[in-house]
Amino acid sequence: MDLSEYNHCINVRVRTFEVDSQGIVHNINYFKYLEIGRVEYRRNLGYTILPSGIFNDGLKVVVVHNEIDYRSFAYLDDLLNICTKIAWIKNSSFCFEQIIENKITGSIICEGKGILVNINKMNEPQSFGQKFIDEIKTFEKDLIIK
């Protein structure tokens, strides 16, 4: 894995309530870590979340697809590096690609993808504004516009 492709990474430490009876991070928690990475990615671009759960630029996105491939295990108190990028943008959807690695050992814990769709007040797909596309094009060096 080439983490140099990722312009956004954050750290999360594994907490006691995230491990199962075998002492391994329970698989559902990796989806939570990926979501933390996605939200922090947007915050990194200068946006905040309003009490309504929508970012202050009005973008209302919902996850329509999540996938994850597990490569290794994470354990209690491990420091995880969650790296996030937007790989492509279509008319009203885009794809986050993410990697979680053990920050100390460098081992890849898992890889994930999430497809999100921008929706309007009627919960129907809505095209992105040019501002969103331009911001991501500026931030991501290998962005694909479909």
Protein backbone atom coordinates (compact mmCIF):
# COMPACT_ATOMS: atom_id res chain seq x y z
CA MET A 1 0.00 0.00 0.00
CA ASP A 2 1.27 3.42 -0.91
CA LEU A 3 0.01 5.79 1.75
CA SER A 4 1.62 8.71 -0.09
CA GLU A 5 -1.54 8.71 -2.25
CA TYR A 6 -3.50 9.85 0.79
CA ASN A 7 -3.48 13.54 1.68
CA HIS A 8 -5.58 13.04 4.79
CA CYS A 9 -4.76 10.79 7.74
CA ILE A 10 -5.89 10.87 11.35
CA ASN A 11 -5.07 8.75 14.39
CA VAL A 12 -7.50 6.80 16.56
CA ARG A 13 -6.56 4.76 19.60
CA VAL A 14 -8.45 1.48 20.17
CA ARG A 15 -10.59 1.73 23.32
CA THR A 16 -11.71 -1.01 25.71
CA PHE A 17 -15.30 -1.13 24.49
CA GLU A 18 -14.20 -1.68 20.87
CA VAL A 19 -12.63 -5.10 21.39
CA ASP A 20 -14.43 -8.43 21.50
CA SER A 21 -13.99 -11.38 23.87
CA GLN A 22 -10.86 -12.42 21.92
CA GLY A 23 -9.23 -9.04 22.56
CA ILE A 24 -9.47 -8.10 18.87
CA VAL A 25 -11.25 -5.00 17.59
CA HIS A 26 -14.77 -6.14 16.72
CA ASN A 27 -15.32 -5.97 12.96
CA ILE A 28 -18.17 -3.42 13.09
CA ASN A 29 -15.85 -0.86 14.69
CA TYR A 30 -13.76 -0.59 11.54
CA PHE A 31 -16.78 0.90 9.76
CA LYS A 32 -16.99 3.44 12.59
CA TYR A 33 -13.30 4.28 12.17
CA LEU A 34 -13.82 4.76 8.42
CA GLU A 35 -16.74 7.10 9.11
CA ILE A 36 -14.59 9.11 11.53
CA GLY A 37 -12.02 9.43 8.75
CA ARG A 38 -14.65 10.66 6.29
CA VAL A 39 -16.03 13.29 8.65
CA GLU A 40 -12.56 14.51 9.58
CA TYR A 41 -11.66 14.69 5.88
CA ARG A 42 -14.46 17.23 5.37
CA ARG A 43 -13.49 19.09 8.55
CA ASN A 44 -9.95 19.28 7.21
CA LEU A 45 -11.37 21.20 4.22
CA GLY A 46 -12.80 23.78 6.64
CA TYR A 47 -16.37 22.57 7.12
CA THR A 48 -18.30 22.02 10.33
CA ILE A 49 -21.30 19.85 11.11
CA LEU A 50 -24.50 21.68 12.02
CA PRO A 51 -26.91 20.34 14.68
CA SER A 52 -29.00 18.98 11.78
CA GLY A 53 -26.13 16.62 10.89
CA ILE A 54 -25.50 18.43 7.60
CA PHE A 55 -22.22 20.18 6.88
CA ASN A 56 -22.32 23.99 6.87
CA ASP A 57 -21.90 24.08 3.07
CA GLY A 58 -25.34 22.46 2.69
CA LEU A 59 -23.96 19.18 1.35
CA LYS A 60 -26.24 16.35 2.48
CA VAL A 61 -24.69 13.01 1.64
CA VAL A 62 -25.76 9.50 2.54
CA VAL A 63 -23.82 6.26 2.32
CA VAL A 64 -25.23 3.91 -0.31
CA HIS A 65 -22.43 1.34 -0.33
CA ASN A 66 -19.74 0.28 2.13
CA GLU A 67 -17.14 -2.42 1.71
CA ILE A 68 -14.18 -3.53 3.74
CA ASP A 69 -11.38 -6.05 3.31
CA TYR A 70 -9.72 -7.18 6.53
CA ARG A 71 -5.97 -7.82 6.30
CA SER A 72 -4.82 -8.03 9.92
CA PHE A 73 -6.01 -7.45 13.49
CA ALA A 74 -6.03 -4.44 15.77
CA TYR A 75 -5.95 -4.81 19.55
CA LEU A 76 -6.71 -2.77 22.64
CA ASP A 77 -4.65 0.43 22.88
CA ASP A 78 -3.25 0.14 19.33
CA LEU A 79 -2.78 3.49 17.63
CA LEU A 80 -4.44 3.34 14.22
CA ASN A 81 -3.76 5.61 11.26
CA ILE A 82 -6.93 6.15 9.18
CA CYS A 83 -6.06 7.45 5.71
CA THR A 84 -8.81 8.78 3.47
CA LYS A 85 -9.11 10.04 -0.09
CA ILE A 86 -11.84 10.71 -2.61
CA ALA A 87 -11.00 8.59 -5.64
CA TRP A 88 -13.76 9.64 -8.02
CA ILE A 89 -16.73 11.96 -8.39
CA LYS A 90 -19.79 11.44 -10.60
CA ASN A 91 -22.78 13.73 -11.06
CA SER A 92 -24.24 13.20 -7.58
CA SER A 93 -22.00 10.53 -6.03
CA PHE A 94 -18.41 10.05 -5.00
CA CYS A 95 -16.17 7.34 -3.59
CA PHE A 96 -14.03 7.46 -0.47
CA GLU A 97 -11.14 5.00 -0.46
CA GLN A 98 -9.55 4.35 2.91
CA ILE A 99 -6.81 2.39 4.60
CA ILE A 100 -6.39 1.68 8.28
CA GLU A 101 -2.88 0.83 9.39
CA ASN A 102 -1.24 0.20 12.72
CA LYS A 103 0.66 3.44 13.23
CA ILE A 104 3.48 1.78 15.17
CA THR A 105 4.09 -1.37 13.10
CA GLY A 106 2.92 -0.05 9.73
CA SER A 107 0.87 -3.20 9.11
CA ILE A 108 -2.31 -2.73 7.08
CA ILE A 109 -5.33 -3.63 9.17
CA CYS A 110 -7.99 -3.13 6.49
CA GLU A 111 -8.97 -1.33 3.31
CA GLY A 112 -12.40 0.16 2.73
CA LYS A 113 -14.51 1.97 0.20
CA GLY A 114 -17.66 3.97 0.67
CA ILE A 115 -19.89 5.43 -2.01
CA LEU A 116 -21.92 8.45 -0.96
CA VAL A 117 -24.73 10.24 -2.77
CA ASN A 118 -25.64 13.90 -2.43
CA ILE A 119 -29.39 14.28 -1.87
CA ASN A 120 -31.85 17.16 -1.83
CA LYS A 121 -34.65 17.94 0.66
CA MET A 122 -36.84 15.33 -1.04
CA ASN A 123 -34.07 12.73 -0.51
CA GLU A 124 -33.46 12.46 -4.25
CA PRO A 125 -29.98 12.54 -5.84
CA GLN A 126 -28.77 16.06 -6.48
CA SER A 127 -25.79 17.15 -8.57
CA PHE A 128 -22.77 18.56 -6.80
CA GLY A 129 -22.01 22.21 -7.18
CA GLN A 130 -18.82 23.17 -9.00
CA LYS A 131 -17.33 24.49 -5.74
CA PHE A 132 -17.32 20.98 -4.21
CA ILE A 133 -15.75 19.45 -7.32
CA ASP A 134 -13.09 22.18 -7.55
CA GLU A 135 -12.16 21.80 -3.87
CA ILE A 136 -11.67 18.07 -4.19
CA LYS A 137 -9.74 18.45 -7.48
CA THR A 138 -7.40 20.83 -5.67
CA PHE A 139 -6.95 18.50 -2.69
CA GLU A 140 -6.68 15.14 -4.51
CA LYS A 141 -3.91 14.67 -7.07
CA ASP A 142 -5.37 11.59 -8.82
CA LEU A 143 -9.08 12.39 -8.70
CA ILE A 144 -11.18 10.89 -11.49
CA ILE A 145 -14.22 12.83 -12.70
CA LYS A 146 -16.73 10.43 -14.29
